[in-house]
Amino acid sequence: MNPEVTALFHADTFTITYLVADPENKRAAIIDSVLDFDPKSGRTTTEAADKLVKLVGEQGLTVDWILETHAHADHLSGAAYLKRKLGADVGIGAHITDIQGVFKTVFNLNSGFEPDGSQFDRLFEDGETFAIGDLEVRVMHTPGHTPACVTYVIGDAAFVGDTLFMPDFGTARTDFPGGDARVLFQSIHKVLSLPKETRLFMCHDYAPGDRDYAWETTVAEERAQNIHVHDGITEDQFVDMRTSRDATLDMPQLILPSIQVNIRAGHLPDPEDNGVAYLKLPLNAL
């Protein structure tokens, strides 16, 4: 069986969230959700997540899973809010603990935060399978952008997170803590070893050349046309390109707030004694 896939594009962060459903029994999963955040005011809102909740109702779906491909550095996760609204379990790759350990130090988080993945309902190992209704989901550990990235393979579809972009935009950066260009190349080739007709769904698109936004391609198209890793590009060529390119990139605008929330499975930090939750801004740490 193949999934029904509905995409919702979040223009503020160029993020695509997916509602993935078993068409037979109406069970579903949400992949890479967004919590709206205004960095100027520090306010969070749930406009994007509420659109998902409305869509779930309109399609008569029951959501079993809220899935993350990794701890995103460019948007806050809506997972905690959606869990409250829909009752689904939140899952992520088991190597999230590596990310939590790094950023517990960066943000000097107190003993109330444990880097053990317990903030999530399920930690997936490489090769593990689980179900969305009658659909089997296979987890591929695809590190390189971060140590914790995973790809979810569901029927003829694969949700690749930030590992790959559309062919005209290339591949993910590897200069975050624990990133590795050589490891990313190897992970990408795991994805590109899937059947050529496999549909690949991106987590972001930036519409280079002012084309329309797009987020679905295939293994065959990536192998033929991806500007960074098309067939014939060697590992050393890729590492040289990726390393040079990453040295020119600015940090994502929301990396500091988003990581603090996303390593907590979308939960905000606990409120302090005045009832207000705070995000930290470490100076000269990244």
C-alpha atoms as a PDB file:
ATOM      1  CA  MET A   1       0.000   0.000   0.000  1.00  0.00           C
ATOM      2  CA  ASN A   2       1.053   3.563  -0.686  1.00  0.00           C
ATOM      3  CA  PRO A   3       0.193   6.558   1.476  1.00  0.00           C
ATOM      4  CA  GLU A   4      -1.955   9.553   0.677  1.00  0.00           C
ATOM      5  CA  VAL A   5       0.241  12.609   1.234  1.00  0.00           C
ATOM      6  CA  THR A   6      -1.001  16.137   1.890  1.00  0.00           C
ATOM      7  CA  ALA A   7       1.586  18.919   2.096  1.00  0.00           C
ATOM      8  CA  LEU A   8       1.232  22.213   3.970  1.00  0.00           C
ATOM      9  CA  PHE A   9       3.794  24.906   3.163  1.00  0.00           C
ATOM     10  CA  HIS A  10       4.821  27.305   5.949  1.00  0.00           C
ATOM     11  CA  ALA A  11       5.997  30.425   4.155  1.00  0.00           C
ATOM     12  CA  ASP A  12       7.704  32.081   7.138  1.00  0.00           C
ATOM     13  CA  THR A  13      10.191  29.216   7.531  1.00  0.00           C
ATOM     14  CA  PHE A  14       9.989  27.592   4.057  1.00  0.00           C
ATOM     15  CA  THR A  15       8.975  24.368   5.821  1.00  0.00           C
ATOM     16  CA  ILE A  16       6.715  21.672   4.428  1.00  0.00           C
ATOM     17  CA  THR A  17       4.694  19.643   6.920  1.00  0.00           C
ATOM     18  CA  TYR A  18       3.156  16.390   5.743  1.00  0.00           C
ATOM     19  CA  LEU A  19      -0.069  14.669   6.686  1.00  0.00           C
ATOM     20  CA  VAL A  20       0.453  11.042   5.677  1.00  0.00           C
ATOM     21  CA  ALA A  21      -2.584   8.756   5.691  1.00  0.00           C
ATOM     22  CA  ASP A  22      -3.549   5.148   5.142  1.00  0.00           C
ATOM     23  CA  PRO A  23      -6.374   5.606   2.625  1.00  0.00           C
ATOM     24  CA  GLU A  24      -8.105   2.395   3.693  1.00  0.00           C
ATOM     25  CA  ASN A  25      -8.568   2.862   7.428  1.00  0.00           C
ATOM     26  CA  LYS A  26      -7.918   6.604   7.840  1.00  0.00           C
ATOM     27  CA  ARG A  27      -5.025   6.323  10.286  1.00  0.00           C
ATOM     28  CA  ALA A  28      -2.395   9.023   9.824  1.00  0.00           C
ATOM     29  CA  ALA A  29       0.892  10.591  10.845  1.00  0.00           C
ATOM     30  CA  ILE A  30       2.137  14.178  10.816  1.00  0.00           C
ATOM     31  CA  ILE A  31       5.766  14.731   9.786  1.00  0.00           C
ATOM     32  CA  ASP A  32       7.773  17.874  10.700  1.00  0.00           C
ATOM     33  CA  SER A  33       5.146  20.191  12.138  1.00  0.00           C
ATOM     34  CA  VAL A  34       5.613  23.906  12.885  1.00  0.00           C
ATOM     35  CA  LEU A  35       4.868  26.134  15.877  1.00  0.00           C
ATOM     36  CA  ASP A  36       4.651  29.759  14.723  1.00  0.00           C
ATOM     37  CA  PHE A  37       7.194  32.005  16.431  1.00  0.00           C
ATOM     38  CA  ASP A  38       7.866  35.732  16.138  1.00  0.00           C
ATOM     39  CA  PRO A  39      11.514  36.339  17.106  1.00  0.00           C
ATOM     40  CA  LYS A  40      10.926  40.079  17.486  1.00  0.00           C
ATOM     41  CA  SER A  41       8.280  39.711  20.188  1.00  0.00           C
ATOM     42  CA  GLY A  42       9.052  36.221  21.488  1.00  0.00           C
ATOM     43  CA  ARG A  43       5.434  35.202  20.930  1.00  0.00           C
ATOM     44  CA  THR A  44       4.330  31.748  19.825  1.00  0.00           C
ATOM     45  CA  THR A  45       1.065  31.053  18.027  1.00  0.00           C
ATOM     46  CA  THR A  46      -0.534  27.914  16.615  1.00  0.00           C
ATOM     47  CA  GLU A  47      -1.869  29.031  13.240  1.00  0.00           C
ATOM     48  CA  ALA A  48       0.031  26.408  11.229  1.00  0.00           C
ATOM     49  CA  ALA A  49      -0.741  23.611  13.679  1.00  0.00           C
ATOM     50  CA  ASP A  50      -4.417  24.537  13.797  1.00  0.00           C
ATOM     51  CA  LYS A  51      -4.603  24.248  10.007  1.00  0.00           C
ATOM     52  CA  LEU A  52      -3.373  20.676  10.416  1.00  0.00           C
ATOM     53  CA  VAL A  53      -5.933  19.913  13.114  1.00  0.00           C
ATOM     54  CA  LYS A  54      -8.692  21.272  10.871  1.00  0.00           C
ATOM     55  CA  LEU A  55      -7.468  19.212   7.933  1.00  0.00           C
ATOM     56  CA  VAL A  56      -7.363  16.060  10.055  1.00  0.00           C
ATOM     57  CA  GLY A  57     -10.997  16.642  10.969  1.00  0.00           C
ATOM     58  CA  GLU A  58     -12.066  17.389   7.404  1.00  0.00           C
ATOM     59  CA  GLN A  59     -10.467  14.181   6.154  1.00  0.00           C
ATOM     60  CA  GLY A  60     -11.894  12.092   9.006  1.00  0.00           C
ATOM     61  CA  LEU A  61      -8.452  10.918  10.083  1.00  0.00           C
ATOM     62  CA  THR A  62      -7.097   9.544  13.350  1.00  0.00           C
ATOM     63  CA  VAL A  63      -3.501  10.640  13.914  1.00  0.00           C
ATOM     64  CA  ASP A  64      -1.357   7.988  15.586  1.00  0.00           C
ATOM     65  CA  TRP A  65       2.063   9.584  15.160  1.00  0.00           C
ATOM     66  CA  ILE A  66       3.695  13.002  15.182  1.00  0.00           C
ATOM     67  CA  LEU A  67       7.095  12.390  13.639  1.00  0.00           C
ATOM     68  CA  GLU A  68      10.266  14.451  13.460  1.00  0.00           C
ATOM     69  CA  THR A  69      13.004  13.828  10.907  1.00  0.00           C
ATOM     70  CA  HIS A  70      15.498  15.601  13.240  1.00  0.00           C
ATOM     71  CA  ALA A  71      15.781  18.468  15.733  1.00  0.00           C
ATOM     72  CA  HIS A  72      15.274  21.336  13.316  1.00  0.00           C
ATOM     73  CA  ALA A  73      17.361  24.497  13.474  1.00  0.00           C
ATOM     74  CA  ASP A  74      15.066  26.682  11.380  1.00  0.00           C
ATOM     75  CA  HIS A  75      11.624  26.336  12.926  1.00  0.00           C
ATOM     76  CA  LEU A  76      10.017  25.416  16.217  1.00  0.00           C
ATOM     77  CA  SER A  77       8.195  22.100  16.296  1.00  0.00           C
ATOM     78  CA  GLY A  78       4.448  22.019  16.843  1.00  0.00           C
ATOM     79  CA  ALA A  79       4.649  18.446  18.169  1.00  0.00           C
ATOM     80  CA  ALA A  80       3.748  19.167  21.802  1.00  0.00           C
ATOM     81  CA  TYR A  81       0.713  21.263  20.847  1.00  0.00           C
ATOM     82  CA  LEU A  82      -0.482  18.690  18.312  1.00  0.00           C
ATOM     83  CA  LYS A  83      -0.048  15.895  20.841  1.00  0.00           C
ATOM     84  CA  ARG A  84      -2.364  17.772  23.206  1.00  0.00           C
ATOM     85  CA  LYS A  85      -4.919  18.342  20.448  1.00  0.00           C
ATOM     86  CA  LEU A  86      -4.788  14.958  18.739  1.00  0.00           C
ATOM     87  CA  GLY A  87      -3.470  12.522  21.351  1.00  0.00           C
ATOM     88  CA  ALA A  88      -0.766  11.051  19.093  1.00  0.00           C
ATOM     89  CA  ASP A  89       2.670   9.810  20.129  1.00  0.00           C
ATOM     90  CA  VAL A  90       5.762  11.858  19.232  1.00  0.00           C
ATOM     91  CA  GLY A  91       8.637   9.976  17.597  1.00  0.00           C
ATOM     92  CA  ILE A  92      12.169  10.841  16.477  1.00  0.00           C
ATOM     93  CA  GLY A  93      15.427   9.028  15.704  1.00  0.00           C
ATOM     94  CA  ALA A  94      17.220   7.494  18.684  1.00  0.00           C
ATOM     95  CA  HIS A  95      20.310   9.622  18.124  1.00  0.00           C
ATOM     96  CA  ILE A  96      18.397  12.683  19.351  1.00  0.00           C
ATOM     97  CA  THR A  97      20.225  11.986  22.605  1.00  0.00           C
ATOM     98  CA  ASP A  98      23.482  13.001  20.893  1.00  0.00           C
ATOM     99  CA  ILE A  99      21.945  16.373  20.004  1.00  0.00           C
ATOM    100  CA  GLN A 100      20.494  16.807  23.461  1.00  0.00           C
ATOM    101  CA  GLY A 101      23.854  16.171  25.072  1.00  0.00           C
ATOM    102  CA  VAL A 102      25.582  18.788  22.934  1.00  0.00           C
ATOM    103  CA  PHE A 103      22.974  21.470  23.464  1.00  0.00           C
ATOM    104  CA  LYS A 104      22.492  20.793  27.155  1.00  0.00           C
ATOM    105  CA  THR A 105      26.058  22.079  27.426  1.00  0.00           C
ATOM    106  CA  VAL A 106      25.592  24.950  24.946  1.00  0.00           C
ATOM    107  CA  PHE A 107      22.518  26.243  26.804  1.00  0.00           C
ATOM    108  CA  ASN A 108      23.759  25.217  30.267  1.00  0.00           C
ATOM    109  CA  LEU A 109      20.455  23.485  30.964  1.00  0.00           C
ATOM    110  CA  ASN A 110      19.842  22.576  34.579  1.00  0.00           C
ATOM    111  CA  SER A 111      19.326  19.148  36.094  1.00  0.00           C
ATOM    112  CA  GLY A 112      15.641  19.293  35.111  1.00  0.00           C
ATOM    113  CA  PHE A 113      16.585  18.473  31.518  1.00  0.00           C
ATOM    114  CA  GLU A 114      17.902  14.976  30.894  1.00  0.00           C
ATOM    115  CA  PRO A 115      19.563  14.229  27.523  1.00  0.00           C
ATOM    116  CA  ASP A 116      18.045  10.752  27.377  1.00  0.00           C
ATOM    117  CA  GLY A 117      15.238  11.205  24.834  1.00  0.00           C
ATOM    118  CA  SER A 118      12.563  10.806  27.508  1.00  0.00           C
ATOM    119  CA  GLN A 119      10.823  13.959  26.264  1.00  0.00           C
ATOM    120  CA  PHE A 120       9.660  11.890  23.264  1.00  0.00           C
ATOM    121  CA  ASP A 121       7.275   8.935  23.266  1.00  0.00           C
ATOM    122  CA  ARG A 122       9.334   6.816  20.871  1.00  0.00           C
ATOM    123  CA  LEU A 123      12.964   6.747  19.779  1.00  0.00           C
ATOM    124  CA  PHE A 124      13.488   4.920  16.477  1.00  0.00           C
ATOM    125  CA  GLU A 125      16.571   2.866  15.670  1.00  0.00           C
ATOM    126  CA  ASP A 126      17.961   2.414  12.164  1.00  0.00           C
ATOM    127  CA  GLY A 127      15.960  -0.243  10.314  1.00  0.00           C
ATOM    128  CA  GLU A 128      13.120  -0.248  12.821  1.00  0.00           C
ATOM    129  CA  THR A 129       9.573  -0.534  11.494  1.00  0.00           C
ATOM    130  CA  PHE A 130       6.219   0.605  12.822  1.00  0.00           C
ATOM    131  CA  ALA A 131       2.745   1.118  11.401  1.00  0.00           C
ATOM    132  CA  ILE A 132       0.389   3.849  10.303  1.00  0.00           C
ATOM    133  CA  GLY A 133      -2.781   1.814  10.016  1.00  0.00           C
ATOM    134  CA  ASP A 134      -1.865  -0.894   7.513  1.00  0.00           C
ATOM    135  CA  LEU A 135       1.084   1.084   6.144  1.00  0.00           C
ATOM    136  CA  GLU A 136       4.527  -0.066   7.212  1.00  0.00           C
ATOM    137  CA  VAL A 137       7.025   2.671   8.027  1.00  0.00           C
ATOM    138  CA  ARG A 138      10.738   1.864   7.828  1.00  0.00           C
ATOM    139  CA  VAL A 139      13.223   4.133   9.566  1.00  0.00           C
ATOM    140  CA  MET A 140      16.541   4.895   7.863  1.00  0.00           C
ATOM    141  CA  HIS A 141      19.200   6.608   9.947  1.00  0.00           C
ATOM    142  CA  THR A 142      20.553   9.261   7.544  1.00  0.00           C
ATOM    143  CA  PRO A 143      23.023  11.401   9.523  1.00  0.00           C
ATOM    144  CA  GLY A 144      25.375  14.051   8.218  1.00  0.00           C
ATOM    145  CA  HIS A 145      23.264  17.213   8.439  1.00  0.00           C
ATOM    146  CA  THR A 146      22.932  16.283  12.108  1.00  0.00           C
ATOM    147  CA  PRO A 147      23.820  13.014  13.871  1.00  0.00           C
ATOM    148  CA  ALA A 148      20.135  12.342  14.537  1.00  0.00           C
ATOM    149  CA  CYS A 149      18.552  12.704  11.086  1.00  0.00           C
ATOM    150  CA  VAL A 150      16.233   9.943   9.885  1.00  0.00           C
ATOM    151  CA  THR A 151      14.263   9.261   6.723  1.00  0.00           C
ATOM    152  CA  TYR A 152      10.827   7.651   6.955  1.00  0.00           C
ATOM    153  CA  VAL A 153      10.109   5.240   4.075  1.00  0.00           C
ATOM    154  CA  ILE A 154       6.390   4.567   3.684  1.00  0.00           C
ATOM    155  CA  GLY A 155       5.323   2.533   0.663  1.00  0.00           C
ATOM    156  CA  ASP A 156       6.490   4.371  -2.454  1.00  0.00           C
ATOM    157  CA  ALA A 157       7.292   7.544  -0.478  1.00  0.00           C
ATOM    158  CA  ALA A 158      10.292   8.688   1.552  1.00  0.00           C
ATOM    159  CA  PHE A 159      10.347  11.740   3.813  1.00  0.00           C
ATOM    160  CA  VAL A 160      13.959  12.883   3.851  1.00  0.00           C
ATOM    161  CA  GLY A 161      13.951  15.864   6.219  1.00  0.00           C
ATOM    162  CA  ASP A 162      16.859  18.205   5.426  1.00  0.00           C
ATOM    163  CA  THR A 163      19.124  15.500   3.968  1.00  0.00           C
ATOM    164  CA  LEU A 164      18.180  16.412   0.397  1.00  0.00           C
ATOM    165  CA  PHE A 165      16.509  19.350  -1.318  1.00  0.00           C
ATOM    166  CA  MET A 166      14.934  19.644  -4.738  1.00  0.00           C
ATOM    167  CA  PRO A 167      17.463  18.874  -7.490  1.00  0.00           C
ATOM    168  CA  ASP A 168      18.096  22.544  -8.311  1.00  0.00           C
ATOM    169  CA  PHE A 169      18.959  23.393  -4.677  1.00  0.00           C
ATOM    170  CA  GLY A 170      21.137  20.425  -3.766  1.00  0.00           C
ATOM    171  CA  THR A 171      21.814  19.122  -0.284  1.00  0.00           C
ATOM    172  CA  ALA A 172      21.837  20.015   3.399  1.00  0.00           C
ATOM    173  CA  ARG A 173      24.574  21.913   5.196  1.00  0.00           C
ATOM    174  CA  THR A 174      26.877  19.944   7.500  1.00  0.00           C
ATOM    175  CA  ASP A 175      28.426  22.608   9.733  1.00  0.00           C
ATOM    176  CA  PHE A 176      26.114  22.193  12.724  1.00  0.00           C
ATOM    177  CA  PRO A 177      27.494  20.376  15.798  1.00  0.00           C
ATOM    178  CA  GLY A 178      28.034  16.742  14.852  1.00  0.00           C
ATOM    179  CA  GLY A 179      27.495  17.353  11.127  1.00  0.00           C
ATOM    180  CA  ASP A 180      29.775  15.625   8.649  1.00  0.00           C
ATOM    181  CA  ALA A 181      29.867  16.072   4.864  1.00  0.00           C
ATOM    182  CA  ARG A 182      31.308  12.610   4.215  1.00  0.00           C
ATOM    183  CA  VAL A 183      28.641  10.980   6.357  1.00  0.00           C
ATOM    184  CA  LEU A 184      25.957  13.018   4.581  1.00  0.00           C
ATOM    185  CA  PHE A 185      27.162  11.774   1.185  1.00  0.00           C
ATOM    186  CA  GLN A 186      26.871   8.193   2.411  1.00  0.00           C
ATOM    187  CA  SER A 187      23.404   8.830   3.845  1.00  0.00           C
ATOM    188  CA  ILE A 188      22.190  10.429   0.633  1.00  0.00           C
ATOM    189  CA  HIS A 189      23.307   7.381  -1.306  1.00  0.00           C
ATOM    190  CA  LYS A 190      21.307   5.188   1.057  1.00  0.00           C
ATOM    191  CA  VAL A 191      18.252   7.221   0.080  1.00  0.00           C
ATOM    192  CA  LEU A 192      19.168   7.187  -3.613  1.00  0.00           C
ATOM    193  CA  SER A 193      19.485   3.399  -3.513  1.00  0.00           C
ATOM    194  CA  LEU A 194      15.716   3.169  -3.081  1.00  0.00           C
ATOM    195  CA  PRO A 195      13.750   2.236  -6.228  1.00  0.00           C
ATOM    196  CA  LYS A 196      14.059   4.965  -8.847  1.00  0.00           C
ATOM    197  CA  GLU A 197      10.320   5.662  -8.838  1.00  0.00           C
ATOM    198  CA  THR A 198      10.267   6.338  -5.080  1.00  0.00           C
ATOM    199  CA  ARG A 199       8.659   9.682  -4.319  1.00  0.00           C
ATOM    200  CA  LEU A 200      10.935  11.898  -2.214  1.00  0.00           C
ATOM    201  CA  PHE A 201       9.384  14.589  -0.027  1.00  0.00           C
ATOM    202  CA  MET A 202      11.535  17.518   1.106  1.00  0.00           C
ATOM    203  CA  CYS A 203      11.227  19.354   4.430  1.00  0.00           C
ATOM    204  CA  HIS A 204      12.140  22.741   2.912  1.00  0.00           C
ATOM    205  CA  ASP A 205      12.189  24.564  -0.387  1.00  0.00           C
ATOM    206  CA  TYR A 206      13.601  27.998  -1.190  1.00  0.00           C
ATOM    207  CA  ALA A 207      12.465  28.384  -4.841  1.00  0.00           C
ATOM    208  CA  PRO A 208      15.812  29.250  -6.483  1.00  0.00           C
ATOM    209  CA  GLY A 209      15.486  31.336  -9.615  1.00  0.00           C
ATOM    210  CA  ASP A 210      12.031  32.499  -8.513  1.00  0.00           C
ATOM    211  CA  ARG A 211      10.401  29.259  -9.623  1.00  0.00           C
ATOM    212  CA  ASP A 212       7.276  28.078  -7.852  1.00  0.00           C
ATOM    213  CA  TYR A 213       7.813  26.349  -4.524  1.00  0.00           C
ATOM    214  CA  ALA A 214       8.145  22.576  -4.908  1.00  0.00           C
ATOM    215  CA  TRP A 215       8.776  19.725  -2.513  1.00  0.00           C
ATOM    216  CA  GLU A 216       8.194  16.410  -4.285  1.00  0.00           C
ATOM    217  CA  THR A 217      10.646  14.692  -6.611  1.00  0.00           C
ATOM    218  CA  THR A 218      11.859  11.124  -7.221  1.00  0.00           C
ATOM    219  CA  VAL A 219      15.002   9.113  -6.707  1.00  0.00           C
ATOM    220  CA  ALA A 220      15.508   9.050 -10.481  1.00  0.00           C
ATOM    221  CA  GLU A 221      15.257  12.840 -10.757  1.00  0.00           C
ATOM    222  CA  GLU A 222      17.677  13.399  -7.891  1.00  0.00           C
ATOM    223  CA  ARG A 223      20.210  10.956  -9.316  1.00  0.00           C
ATOM    224  CA  ALA A 224      20.027  12.603 -12.725  1.00  0.00           C
ATOM    225  CA  GLN A 225      19.732  16.277 -11.803  1.00  0.00           C
ATOM    226  CA  ASN A 226      20.733  17.107  -8.221  1.00  0.00           C
ATOM    227  CA  ILE A 227      23.332  19.854  -8.547  1.00  0.00           C
ATOM    228  CA  HIS A 228      25.405  18.489  -5.641  1.00  0.00           C
ATOM    229  CA  VAL A 229      25.089  14.681  -5.800  1.00  0.00           C
ATOM    230  CA  HIS A 230      23.932  13.574  -9.232  1.00  0.00           C
ATOM    231  CA  ASP A 231      25.315  10.285 -10.486  1.00  0.00           C
ATOM    232  CA  GLY A 232      29.031  10.641 -11.187  1.00  0.00           C
ATOM    233  CA  ILE A 233      29.869  12.970  -8.298  1.00  0.00           C
ATOM    234  CA  THR A 234      32.474  11.309  -6.087  1.00  0.00           C
ATOM    235  CA  GLU A 235      32.515  11.409  -2.310  1.00  0.00           C
ATOM    236  CA  ASP A 236      35.656  13.563  -2.264  1.00  0.00           C
ATOM    237  CA  GLN A 237      34.162  16.010  -4.772  1.00  0.00           C
ATOM    238  CA  PHE A 238      31.041  16.305  -2.642  1.00  0.00           C
ATOM    239  CA  VAL A 239      32.997  16.817   0.591  1.00  0.00           C
ATOM    240  CA  ASP A 240      35.097  19.563  -0.999  1.00  0.00           C
ATOM    241  CA  MET A 241      32.007  21.337  -2.376  1.00  0.00           C
ATOM    242  CA  ARG A 242      29.964  20.989   0.791  1.00  0.00           C
ATOM    243  CA  THR A 243      32.753  22.129   3.110  1.00  0.00           C
ATOM    244  CA  SER A 244      33.532  25.174   0.976  1.00  0.00           C
ATOM    245  CA  ARG A 245      29.881  26.118   0.628  1.00  0.00           C
ATOM    246  CA  ASP A 246      29.117  25.710   4.330  1.00  0.00           C
ATOM    247  CA  ALA A 247      31.919  28.133   5.217  1.00  0.00           C
ATOM    248  CA  THR A 248      29.954  30.895   3.463  1.00  0.00           C
ATOM    249  CA  LEU A 249      26.599  30.312   5.149  1.00  0.00           C
ATOM    250  CA  ASP A 250      25.094  32.305   8.009  1.00  0.00           C
ATOM    251  CA  MET A 251      23.459  30.525  10.921  1.00  0.00           C
ATOM    252  CA  PRO A 252      19.679  30.073  10.507  1.00  0.00           C
ATOM    253  CA  GLN A 253      17.719  32.948  12.016  1.00  0.00           C
ATOM    254  CA  LEU A 254      15.844  30.706  14.453  1.00  0.00           C
ATOM    255  CA  ILE A 255      18.562  28.210  15.389  1.00  0.00           C
ATOM    256  CA  LEU A 256      18.859  29.302  19.037  1.00  0.00           C
ATOM    257  CA  PRO A 257      15.150  29.365  19.914  1.00  0.00           C
ATOM    258  CA  SER A 258      14.238  26.374  17.784  1.00  0.00           C
ATOM    259  CA  ILE A 259      16.852  23.966  19.127  1.00  0.00           C
ATOM    260  CA  GLN A 260      15.858  24.706  22.729  1.00  0.00           C
ATOM    261  CA  VAL A 261      12.260  23.777  21.944  1.00  0.00           C
ATOM    262  CA  ASN A 262      12.901  20.923  19.549  1.00  0.00           C
ATOM    263  CA  ILE A 263      15.189  18.923  21.847  1.00  0.00           C
ATOM    264  CA  ARG A 264      12.225  19.056  24.257  1.00  0.00           C
ATOM    265  CA  ALA A 265       9.857  17.455  21.705  1.00  0.00           C
ATOM    266  CA  GLY A 266       8.208  20.809  21.027  1.00  0.00           C
ATOM    267  CA  HIS A 267       7.701  21.781  24.672  1.00  0.00           C
ATOM    268  CA  LEU A 268       8.691  25.253  25.793  1.00  0.00           C
ATOM    269  CA  PRO A 269      11.065  25.506  28.769  1.00  0.00           C
ATOM    270  CA  ASP A 270       9.357  25.306  32.145  1.00  0.00           C
ATOM    271  CA  PRO A 271       8.019  28.667  33.374  1.00  0.00           C
ATOM    272  CA  GLU A 272      10.039  30.387  36.053  1.00  0.00           C
ATOM    273  CA  ASP A 273       8.632  31.633  39.369  1.00  0.00           C
ATOM    274  CA  ASN A 274       6.883  34.554  37.645  1.00  0.00           C
ATOM    275  CA  GLY A 275       4.976  32.184  35.357  1.00  0.00           C
ATOM    276  CA  VAL A 276       6.952  33.145  32.230  1.00  0.00           C
ATOM    277  CA  ALA A 277       9.013  30.709  30.135  1.00  0.00           C
ATOM    278  CA  TYR A 278      12.375  31.945  28.854  1.00  0.00           C
ATOM    279  CA  LEU A 279      14.649  30.984  25.989  1.00  0.00           C
ATOM    280  CA  LYS A 280      18.386  31.462  26.443  1.00  0.00           C
ATOM    281  CA  LEU A 281      20.712  33.375  24.128  1.00  0.00           C
ATOM    282  CA  PRO A 282      24.241  32.000  24.608  1.00  0.00           C
ATOM    283  CA  LEU A 283      26.881  34.500  23.564  1.00  0.00           C
ATOM    284  CA  ASN A 284      29.836  33.440  21.404  1.00  0.00           C
ATOM    285  CA  ALA A 285      28.959  29.772  21.831  1.00  0.00           C
ATOM    286  CA  LEU A 286      28.275  28.738  18.222  1.00  0.00           C
END
